[in-house]
N, C-alpha and C. Protein backbone atom coordinates (compact mmCIF):
# COMPACT_ATOMS: atom_id res chain seq x y z
N MET A 1 -84.21 177.99 24.47
CA MET A 1 -84.76 179.63 24.68
C MET A 1 -84.44 179.70 23.15
N SER A 2 -83.79 179.23 22.26
CA SER A 2 -84.05 178.96 20.80
C SER A 2 -85.67 179.08 20.49
N LEU A 3 -86.20 177.81 21.48
CA LEU A 3 -87.33 177.31 20.89
C LEU A 3 -88.58 178.40 21.38
N VAL A 4 -87.80 179.40 22.00
CA VAL A 4 -88.77 180.84 22.81
C VAL A 4 -89.37 181.83 21.41
N ILE A 5 -87.15 181.19 21.10
CA ILE A 5 -87.76 182.77 19.77
C ILE A 5 -88.43 183.01 18.45
N VAL A 6 -88.41 180.63 18.32
CA VAL A 6 -88.79 179.80 17.15
C VAL A 6 -90.71 180.17 17.35
N ILE A 7 -91.15 180.17 18.45
CA ILE A 7 -91.98 179.82 18.42
C ILE A 7 -93.20 181.43 18.42
N SER A 8 -92.53 182.77 18.96
CA SER A 8 -92.29 184.24 19.22
C SER A 8 -92.58 184.09 17.41
N LEU A 9 -91.58 184.01 16.79
CA LEU A 9 -91.43 184.42 15.04
C LEU A 9 -92.36 183.72 14.43
N LEU A 10 -93.16 182.38 14.90
CA LEU A 10 -94.28 181.49 14.43
C LEU A 10 -95.80 182.08 15.03
N LYS A 11 -95.49 182.95 15.85
CA LYS A 11 -96.64 183.55 15.98
C LYS A 11 -96.62 184.88 15.67
N ALA A 12 -95.98 185.32 15.00
CA ALA A 12 -95.40 186.98 14.38
C ALA A 12 -95.78 186.85 13.01
N TYR A 13 -95.17 185.90 12.56
CA TYR A 13 -96.16 185.48 11.04
C TYR A 13 -97.10 184.60 10.97
N LEU A 14 -97.82 184.41 12.15
CA LEU A 14 -98.95 184.01 11.84
C LEU A 14 -99.98 185.08 11.81
N PHE A 15 -99.39 186.04 12.88
CA PHE A 15 -100.42 187.16 13.18
C PHE A 15 -100.33 188.01 11.50
N TYR A 16 -99.55 187.85 10.68
CA TYR A 16 -99.31 188.80 9.58
C TYR A 16 -99.69 188.30 8.44
N LEU A 17 -99.76 187.02 8.64
CA LEU A 17 -100.88 186.52 7.56
C LEU A 17 -102.48 186.64 7.98
N VAL A 18 -102.90 186.80 9.11
CA VAL A 18 -104.26 187.23 9.41
C VAL A 18 -104.69 188.12 8.62
N VAL A 19 -103.51 189.33 9.34
CA VAL A 19 -104.11 190.68 9.03
C VAL A 19 -103.79 190.67 7.26
N ASN A 20 -103.07 189.90 6.80
CA ASN A 20 -103.44 190.34 4.96
C ASN A 20 -104.05 189.25 4.61
N ILE A 21 -105.26 188.35 5.12
CA ILE A 21 -106.35 188.36 5.05
C ILE A 21 -106.78 189.24 4.85
N PHE A 22 -107.33 190.48 5.99
CA PHE A 22 -108.72 191.35 5.77
C PHE A 22 -107.93 192.45 4.57
N MET A 23 -106.23 192.40 4.39
CA MET A 23 -106.31 193.17 3.85
C MET A 23 -106.69 192.98 2.04
N LYS A 24 -106.59 191.39 1.76
CA LYS A 24 -106.99 191.42 0.56
C LYS A 24 -108.53 190.61 0.19
N LEU A 25 -109.27 191.05 1.00
CA LEU A 25 -110.74 190.21 1.35
C LEU A 25 -111.57 191.14 0.72
N ASN A 26 -112.49 190.67 -0.16
CA ASN A 26 -113.17 190.91 -1.07
C ASN A 26 -114.99 190.50 -0.86
N LEU A 27 -115.44 191.47 -0.21
CA LEU A 27 -116.49 191.76 0.16
C LEU A 27 -117.51 190.89 -0.77
N VAL A 28 -117.54 191.09 -2.02
CA VAL A 28 -118.56 190.75 -2.74
C VAL A 28 -118.06 188.88 -2.99
N LYS A 29 -117.13 188.77 -3.63
CA LYS A 29 -116.79 187.29 -3.41
C LYS A 29 -115.51 187.00 -2.41
N PRO A 30 -116.11 186.94 -1.43
CA PRO A 30 -114.60 186.34 -0.33
C PRO A 30 -114.10 185.38 -0.32
N PHE A 31 -114.54 184.04 -0.84
CA PHE A 31 -113.63 182.74 -1.47
C PHE A 31 -113.06 182.67 -2.90
N SER A 32 -112.21 183.80 -2.67
CA SER A 32 -111.49 183.71 -3.76
C SER A 32 -109.60 182.53 -4.01
N SER A 33 -108.97 182.78 -4.75
CA SER A 33 -108.21 181.16 -5.07
C SER A 33 -107.20 182.20 -3.89
N GLU A 34 -106.43 183.55 -4.12
CA GLU A 34 -105.83 183.80 -3.40
C GLU A 34 -106.24 183.51 -1.94
N ILE A 35 -107.94 184.04 -1.04
CA ILE A 35 -107.46 184.26 0.30
C ILE A 35 -107.82 182.58 0.40
N ALA A 36 -108.54 181.28 -0.47
CA ALA A 36 -107.80 180.33 -0.46
C ALA A 36 -106.66 179.19 0.21
N LYS A 37 -105.55 180.17 -0.48
CA LYS A 37 -104.15 179.80 0.21
C LYS A 37 -104.14 180.75 1.07
N LEU A 38 -103.90 181.40 1.52
CA LEU A 38 -103.67 182.28 2.86
C LEU A 38 -104.15 181.43 3.72
N ILE A 39 -105.56 181.02 3.91
CA ILE A 39 -106.12 179.96 5.24
C ILE A 39 -105.11 179.16 4.87
N GLU A 40 -104.67 178.04 3.98
CA GLU A 40 -103.75 177.07 3.81
C GLU A 40 -102.70 177.62 4.85
N LYS A 41 -102.15 178.71 4.50
CA LYS A 41 -100.75 178.82 4.97
C LYS A 41 -101.02 179.18 6.17
N ILE A 42 -102.04 179.37 6.98
CA ILE A 42 -102.46 180.54 8.27
C ILE A 42 -102.42 178.64 8.42
N SER A 43 -103.28 177.56 8.52
CA SER A 43 -103.54 176.29 8.88
C SER A 43 -102.01 175.60 9.15
N TYR A 44 -101.42 175.45 8.31
CA TYR A 44 -99.81 174.95 8.10
C TYR A 44 -98.81 175.70 8.98
N GLU A 45 -99.33 177.31 9.17
CA GLU A 45 -98.62 177.77 10.40
C GLU A 45 -99.12 177.34 11.57
N ALA A 46 -100.19 177.75 12.08
CA ALA A 46 -100.80 177.23 12.78
C ALA A 46 -100.71 175.08 13.52
N LEU A 47 -99.76 174.34 12.82
CA LEU A 47 -100.05 173.41 13.05
C LEU A 47 -98.46 173.35 13.78
N ALA A 48 -97.52 174.23 12.82
CA ALA A 48 -96.53 174.43 13.07
C ALA A 48 -96.22 174.62 14.44
N ILE A 49 -97.06 175.70 14.71
CA ILE A 49 -96.62 176.62 15.63
C ILE A 49 -97.42 175.71 17.26
N GLY A 50 -97.98 174.25 16.51
CA GLY A 50 -98.14 173.33 17.98
C GLY A 50 -97.48 172.37 17.72
N ILE A 51 -96.68 172.03 17.46
CA ILE A 51 -95.76 171.10 17.18
C ILE A 51 -94.94 171.55 17.95
N VAL A 52 -93.80 172.42 17.39
CA VAL A 52 -92.94 172.92 18.03
C VAL A 52 -92.94 173.62 19.10
N SER A 53 -94.65 173.94 19.71
CA SER A 53 -95.04 174.56 21.37
C SER A 53 -95.06 173.49 21.74
N ALA A 54 -95.42 172.56 21.32
CA ALA A 54 -95.50 170.57 22.01
C ALA A 54 -93.89 170.77 21.83
N VAL A 55 -93.17 170.58 21.75
CA VAL A 55 -91.96 169.43 21.55
C VAL A 55 -91.03 170.46 22.84
N ALA A 56 -91.34 171.57 22.62
CA ALA A 56 -90.21 173.07 23.39
C ALA A 56 -91.18 172.56 24.82
N HIS A 57 -92.55 172.40 24.96
CA HIS A 57 -93.12 172.30 26.62
C HIS A 57 -92.57 170.64 27.10
N HIS A 58 -91.95 169.27 26.13
CA HIS A 58 -91.60 168.31 26.71
C HIS A 58 -90.47 168.07 27.22
N TYR A 59 -89.60 169.39 26.21
CA TYR A 59 -88.53 169.66 26.42
C TYR A 59 -87.93 170.44 28.16
N THR A 60 -89.10 171.27 28.22
CA THR A 60 -88.93 172.16 29.31
C THR A 60 -89.33 171.07 30.64
N LYS A 61 -89.99 170.31 30.24
CA LYS A 61 -90.31 169.57 31.43
C LYS A 61 -88.97 168.21 32.45
N ARG A 62 -88.50 168.40 30.63
CA ARG A 62 -87.33 167.08 31.12
C ARG A 62 -86.31 167.92 31.70
N LEU A 63 -86.40 169.25 31.47
CA LEU A 63 -85.32 170.31 32.22
C LEU A 63 -85.30 170.60 33.68
N ILE A 64 -87.05 170.47 33.83
CA ILE A 64 -87.47 171.11 35.60
C ILE A 64 -86.98 169.76 36.16
N HIS A 65 -87.33 167.90 34.99
CA HIS A 65 -86.74 167.36 35.83
C HIS A 65 -85.72 166.91 36.04
N SER A 66 -84.54 167.15 35.56
CA SER A 66 -82.90 167.27 35.48
C SER A 66 -82.77 168.68 36.99
N GLY A 67 -83.75 168.81 37.04
CA GLY A 67 -82.96 169.69 38.26
C GLY A 67 -82.88 171.45 38.48
N TYR A 68 -83.05 171.46 36.67
CA TYR A 68 -83.06 172.75 36.20
C TYR A 68 -84.26 174.16 36.54
N GLU A 69 -83.60 175.04 36.71
CA GLU A 69 -85.12 176.41 36.80
C GLU A 69 -85.59 177.31 35.82
N VAL A 70 -86.67 176.62 35.49
CA VAL A 70 -87.49 177.03 33.81
C VAL A 70 -88.84 178.22 34.00
N ASN A 71 -88.92 178.33 35.45
CA ASN A 71 -90.10 178.84 35.63
C ASN A 71 -90.58 179.87 34.88
N GLN A 72 -89.78 180.54 34.52
CA GLN A 72 -90.14 182.23 33.53
C GLN A 72 -90.53 181.83 32.16
N ILE A 73 -89.99 180.56 31.66
CA ILE A 73 -90.64 180.14 30.32
C ILE A 73 -91.98 179.54 30.43
N GLU A 74 -92.56 179.47 31.54
CA GLU A 74 -93.29 178.59 31.20
C GLU A 74 -95.19 179.01 30.42
N GLU A 75 -94.83 180.59 30.75
CA GLU A 75 -95.87 181.59 29.97
C GLU A 75 -95.54 181.59 28.77
N TYR A 76 -94.19 181.02 28.02
CA TYR A 76 -94.69 180.81 26.59
C TYR A 76 -95.70 179.53 25.91
N TRP A 77 -95.61 178.30 27.00
CA TRP A 77 -96.67 177.67 27.02
C TRP A 77 -98.03 177.22 26.78
N ASN A 78 -98.43 178.48 27.85
CA ASN A 78 -99.99 178.44 28.03
C ASN A 78 -100.53 178.28 27.30
N ASP A 79 -100.60 178.44 25.67
CA ASP A 79 -101.71 178.58 24.62
C ASP A 79 -101.27 177.57 23.34
N ILE A 80 -100.50 176.05 24.10
CA ILE A 80 -99.97 175.29 23.49
C ILE A 80 -101.91 175.15 22.75
N ALA A 81 -102.29 174.74 23.27
CA ALA A 81 -103.62 174.13 22.89
C ALA A 81 -104.64 174.70 21.99
N ALA A 82 -104.19 176.40 21.91
CA ALA A 82 -105.01 177.36 20.74
C ALA A 82 -104.41 176.12 19.68
N PHE A 83 -103.59 176.33 18.99
CA PHE A 83 -101.99 175.62 18.60
C PHE A 83 -102.70 174.19 18.13
């Protein structure tokens, strides 16, 4: 259950970073060093989401194999390939 919360927090922070890029974007010089740092943070955040989601997905599979009912949590792993 805590992995679901961690993934949700990571996704919310990723959304915050994306919004932050659009707030600081200068159309005259779109690739400043500040934007490059934000893009780098977004890439690391997406990688972290992907890793945590993959770990959580495999952990959930092991729980199902052990006989636990976790069907409601499966909706959080549907977008694992996007990250």
